[in-house]
Protein backbone atom coordinates (compact mmCIF):
# COMPACT_ATOMS: atom_id res chain seq x y z
CA UNK A 1 28.89 11.25 1.25
CA UNK A 2 25.22 10.53 0.53
CA UNK A 3 24.72 7.80 -2.06
CA UNK A 4 21.80 7.18 -4.41
CA UNK A 5 20.63 4.16 -6.41
CA UNK A 6 18.23 5.09 -9.21
CA UNK A 7 15.59 2.55 -10.33
CA UNK A 8 14.07 2.79 -13.82
CA UNK A 9 15.72 2.78 -17.20
CA UNK A 10 13.54 5.36 -18.97
CA UNK A 11 14.32 8.54 -17.01
CA UNK A 12 17.14 7.07 -14.86
CA UNK A 13 19.93 8.88 -16.68
CA UNK A 14 18.47 12.38 -16.21
CA UNK A 15 17.63 11.66 -12.58
CA UNK A 16 21.21 10.50 -11.93
CA UNK A 17 22.45 13.75 -13.43
CA UNK A 18 20.48 15.93 -11.01
CA UNK A 19 21.93 13.97 -8.05
CA UNK A 20 25.50 14.22 -9.36
CA UNK A 21 25.08 17.98 -9.78
CA UNK A 22 24.43 18.12 -6.00
CA UNK A 23 27.47 15.99 -5.16
CA UNK A 24 25.60 12.80 -4.41
CA UNK A 25 27.46 9.57 -5.16
CA UNK A 26 25.54 7.56 -7.75
CA UNK A 27 25.98 3.87 -7.08
CA UNK A 28 25.24 0.72 -9.13
CA UNK A 29 23.80 -1.43 -6.38
CA UNK A 30 21.12 -0.66 -3.86
CA UNK A 31 23.07 -2.18 -0.98
CA UNK A 32 25.55 0.64 -1.35
CA UNK A 33 22.91 3.40 -1.25
CA UNK A 34 21.54 5.63 1.49
CA UNK A 35 18.64 6.60 -0.77
CA UNK A 36 16.88 4.59 -3.49
CA UNK A 37 14.95 6.61 -6.06
CA UNK A 38 12.07 5.17 -8.23
CA UNK A 39 11.51 7.02 -11.48
CA UNK A 40 8.63 7.75 -13.83
CA UNK A 41 6.88 5.78 -16.56
CA UNK A 42 3.74 3.70 -17.04
CA UNK A 43 0.90 3.74 -14.47
CA UNK A 44 1.14 1.35 -11.54
CA UNK A 45 -1.27 -1.60 -11.49
CA UNK A 46 -4.42 -1.09 -9.54
CA UNK A 47 -3.81 -4.55 -8.08
CA UNK A 48 -1.30 -2.86 -5.83
CA UNK A 49 -4.05 -0.96 -4.06
CA UNK A 50 -6.87 -3.52 -4.48
CA UNK A 51 -8.97 -1.80 -7.07
CA UNK A 52 -10.27 -2.60 -10.58
CA UNK A 53 -8.58 -0.94 -13.56
CA UNK A 54 -10.00 2.25 -15.05
CA UNK A 55 -10.23 2.18 -18.84
CA UNK A 56 -7.51 4.96 -18.99
CA UNK A 57 -5.00 3.07 -16.80
CA UNK A 58 -2.01 1.47 -18.62
CA UNK A 59 0.19 -0.42 -16.27
CA UNK A 60 3.38 -2.36 -16.56
CA UNK A 61 2.94 -5.50 -14.32
CA UNK A 62 6.47 -6.77 -14.92
CA UNK A 63 7.98 -3.48 -13.83
CA UNK A 64 5.59 -3.39 -10.80
CA UNK A 65 6.82 -6.80 -9.72
CA UNK A 66 10.47 -5.88 -10.08
CA UNK A 67 10.10 -2.66 -8.17
CA UNK A 68 8.04 -4.19 -5.37
CA UNK A 69 10.94 -6.48 -4.68
CA UNK A 70 13.30 -3.53 -4.48
CA UNK A 71 10.92 -1.78 -2.12
CA UNK A 72 10.79 -4.78 0.12
CA UNK A 73 14.56 -5.09 0.12
CA UNK A 74 14.90 -1.41 1.10
CA UNK A 75 12.48 -1.94 3.98
CA UNK A 76 14.58 -4.83 5.28
CA UNK A 77 17.83 -2.94 4.87
CA UNK A 78 16.46 0.31 6.35
CA UNK A 79 17.22 2.35 3.19
CA UNK A 80 15.26 5.59 2.63
CA UNK A 81 13.23 5.84 -0.60
CA UNK A 82 11.95 8.59 -2.89
CA UNK A 83 9.69 8.27 -5.92
CA UNK A 84 9.27 10.63 -8.89
CA UNK A 85 5.87 10.71 -10.60
CA UNK A 86 5.10 7.00 -11.24
CA UNK A 87 7.77 6.12 -8.61
CA UNK A 88 5.99 8.31 -6.04
CA UNK A 89 2.69 6.72 -6.86
CA UNK A 90 4.21 3.29 -6.42
CA UNK A 91 5.64 4.17 -3.00
CA UNK A 92 2.33 5.65 -1.97
CA UNK A 93 0.49 2.44 -2.88
CA UNK A 94 3.10 0.19 -1.16
CA UNK A 95 2.82 2.41 1.93
CA UNK A 96 -0.94 1.75 2.09
CA UNK A 97 -2.38 4.48 -0.14
CA UNK A 98 -4.38 4.27 -3.36
CA UNK A 99 -4.83 6.25 -6.52
CA UNK A 100 -7.26 8.36 -8.49
CA UNK A 101 -6.81 6.60 -11.83
CA UNK A 102 -7.46 9.59 -14.04
CA UNK A 103 -7.20 13.35 -13.38
CA UNK A 104 -7.24 16.57 -15.39
CA UNK A 105 -4.83 19.49 -15.11
CA UNK A 106 -1.63 17.76 -14.09
CA UNK A 107 0.42 18.15 -17.29
CA UNK A 108 2.75 21.07 -17.85
CA UNK A 109 3.44 23.71 -15.26
CA UNK A 110 1.04 24.37 -12.45
CA UNK A 111 1.07 25.77 -8.89
CA UNK A 112 1.25 23.86 -5.66
CA UNK A 113 0.90 24.90 -1.98
CA UNK A 114 3.53 23.59 0.40
CA UNK A 115 2.53 23.78 4.06
CA UNK A 116 6.02 25.07 5.02
CA UNK A 117 6.30 27.77 2.38
CA UNK A 118 4.66 31.30 2.41
CA UNK A 119 4.04 31.46 -1.33
CA UNK A 120 2.68 29.03 -3.97
CA UNK A 121 5.30 27.23 -6.02
CA UNK A 122 5.25 26.46 -9.72
CA UNK A 123 6.25 22.91 -10.59
CA UNK A 124 6.30 20.88 -13.79
CA UNK A 125 4.66 17.49 -14.09
CA UNK A 126 3.16 15.11 -16.62
CA UNK A 127 0.84 12.57 -15.03
CA UNK A 128 -2.82 11.69 -15.33
CA UNK A 129 -3.16 9.84 -12.07
CA UNK A 130 -3.04 11.31 -8.59
CA UNK A 131 -2.16 9.85 -5.19
CA UNK A 132 -4.67 9.18 -2.44
CA UNK A 133 -2.47 8.93 0.65
CA UNK A 134 -3.49 7.28 3.96
CA UNK A 135 -4.00 9.34 7.08
CA UNK A 136 -0.56 8.15 8.20
CA UNK A 137 1.06 10.18 5.48
CA UNK A 138 2.41 13.72 6.05
CA UNK A 139 0.83 15.87 3.33
CA UNK A 140 3.64 18.13 2.12
CA UNK A 141 2.09 19.85 -0.92
CA UNK A 142 -1.20 19.97 -2.79
CA UNK A 143 -2.16 21.32 -6.18
CA UNK A 144 -3.53 24.84 -5.87
CA UNK A 145 -6.59 24.24 -8.11
CA UNK A 146 -8.93 21.31 -7.67
CA UNK A 147 -9.76 19.10 -10.64
CA UNK A 148 -12.06 16.25 -11.49
CA UNK A 149 -11.03 12.63 -10.96
CA UNK A 150 -12.01 9.11 -11.96
CA UNK A 151 -11.66 5.98 -9.88
CA UNK A 152 -12.16 2.42 -10.97
CA UNK A 153 -15.51 3.34 -12.53
CA UNK A 154 -15.86 5.67 -15.48
CA UNK A 155 -18.17 8.23 -13.74
CA UNK A 156 -16.34 11.39 -12.80
CA UNK A 157 -16.34 12.53 -9.18
CA UNK A 158 -14.75 15.45 -7.26
CA UNK A 159 -11.88 14.38 -5.04
CA UNK A 160 -13.39 14.20 -1.53
CA UNK A 161 -10.33 13.95 0.76
CA UNK A 162 -7.52 16.21 2.05
CA UNK A 163 -9.71 19.32 2.10
CA UNK A 164 -10.68 18.83 -1.56
CA UNK A 165 -7.03 19.30 -2.60
CA UNK A 166 -5.13 16.83 -4.77
CA UNK A 167 -1.90 15.66 -3.18
CA UNK A 168 1.33 16.29 -5.09
CA UNK A 169 3.89 15.52 -2.45
CA UNK A 170 3.67 13.35 0.75
CA UNK A 171 5.94 11.46 3.09
CA UNK A 172 5.47 8.21 5.04
CA UNK A 173 7.61 8.07 8.17
CA UNK A 174 6.99 4.37 8.80
CA UNK A 175 8.29 3.29 5.37
CA UNK A 176 10.64 6.34 4.99
CA UNK A 177 9.13 7.02 1.55
CA UNK A 178 8.95 10.45 -0.17
CA UNK A 179 6.19 10.45 -2.86
CA UNK A 180 6.85 13.30 -5.29
CA UNK A 181 4.63 13.59 -8.41
CA UNK A 182 6.36 16.56 -10.21
CA UNK A 183 9.41 15.95 -12.41
CA UNK A 184 12.65 17.49 -10.99
CA UNK A 185 14.67 15.89 -13.79
CA UNK A 186 12.99 17.91 -16.52
CA UNK A 187 15.30 20.89 -15.99
CA UNK A 188 12.61 23.10 -14.64
CA UNK A 189 13.18 25.49 -11.79
CA UNK A 190 12.07 25.66 -9.06
CA UNK A 191 10.92 22.02 -9.32
CA UNK A 192 14.45 20.57 -9.14
CA UNK A 193 15.56 22.67 -6.25
CA UNK A 194 12.29 22.04 -4.43
CA UNK A 195 12.73 18.25 -4.75
CA UNK A 196 16.11 18.38 -3.01
CA UNK A 197 14.83 20.84 -0.41
CA UNK A 198 12.17 18.34 0.59
CA UNK A 199 14.69 15.50 0.64
CA UNK A 200 16.81 17.61 3.09
CA UNK A 201 13.74 18.61 5.08
CA UNK A 202 13.07 14.94 5.94
CA UNK A 203 16.70 13.91 6.30
CA UNK A 204 16.48 11.36 3.50
CA UNK A 205 19.68 9.62 2.57
CA UNK A 206 21.38 10.50 5.77
CA UNK A 207 20.87 7.39 7.86
CA UNK A 208 22.79 4.65 6.06
CA UNK A 209 26.36 5.28 5.13
């Protein structure tokens, strides 16, 4: 049986529920997990990707410190990881990526394009920052409409990378990290089913029993 350890006290309960619904074993210690999931919350600190803080960035340094240690332990133990919203942004940064520190158009329901699907997919999300993955990442899905972004400085600029598309979902093979910005735990379909479809697509949680 695949086993998940959920990190983060704010949305942890609802995330555990969606895994239980799909017959995953929810464990109380990461050493017993085949997948560790990092959940949503405050922005991650720009220190994690070597940038200055934008005026709209509100980080939780203590949480960052705690979760960086969990990430490092997972790497040593060979445990797969997935991150939801803030959790995905954290895993992106720890895998070498960075962030647009403010973005428009990523709250509520919006459409994304997945490279492996024939039609756009509607997902639900609530984040004002957007991942900037490295070229080592596999880009799984991008937002259908482009928006405007802010970096460390306050001047707005159009996102220049990944064909002018903002990245919603990506995967790092080297760190075995799935970075998923939508919220599958909000009870929205098809977001919840899509999350688990991507987990299955990359075989996450299947290696360590």
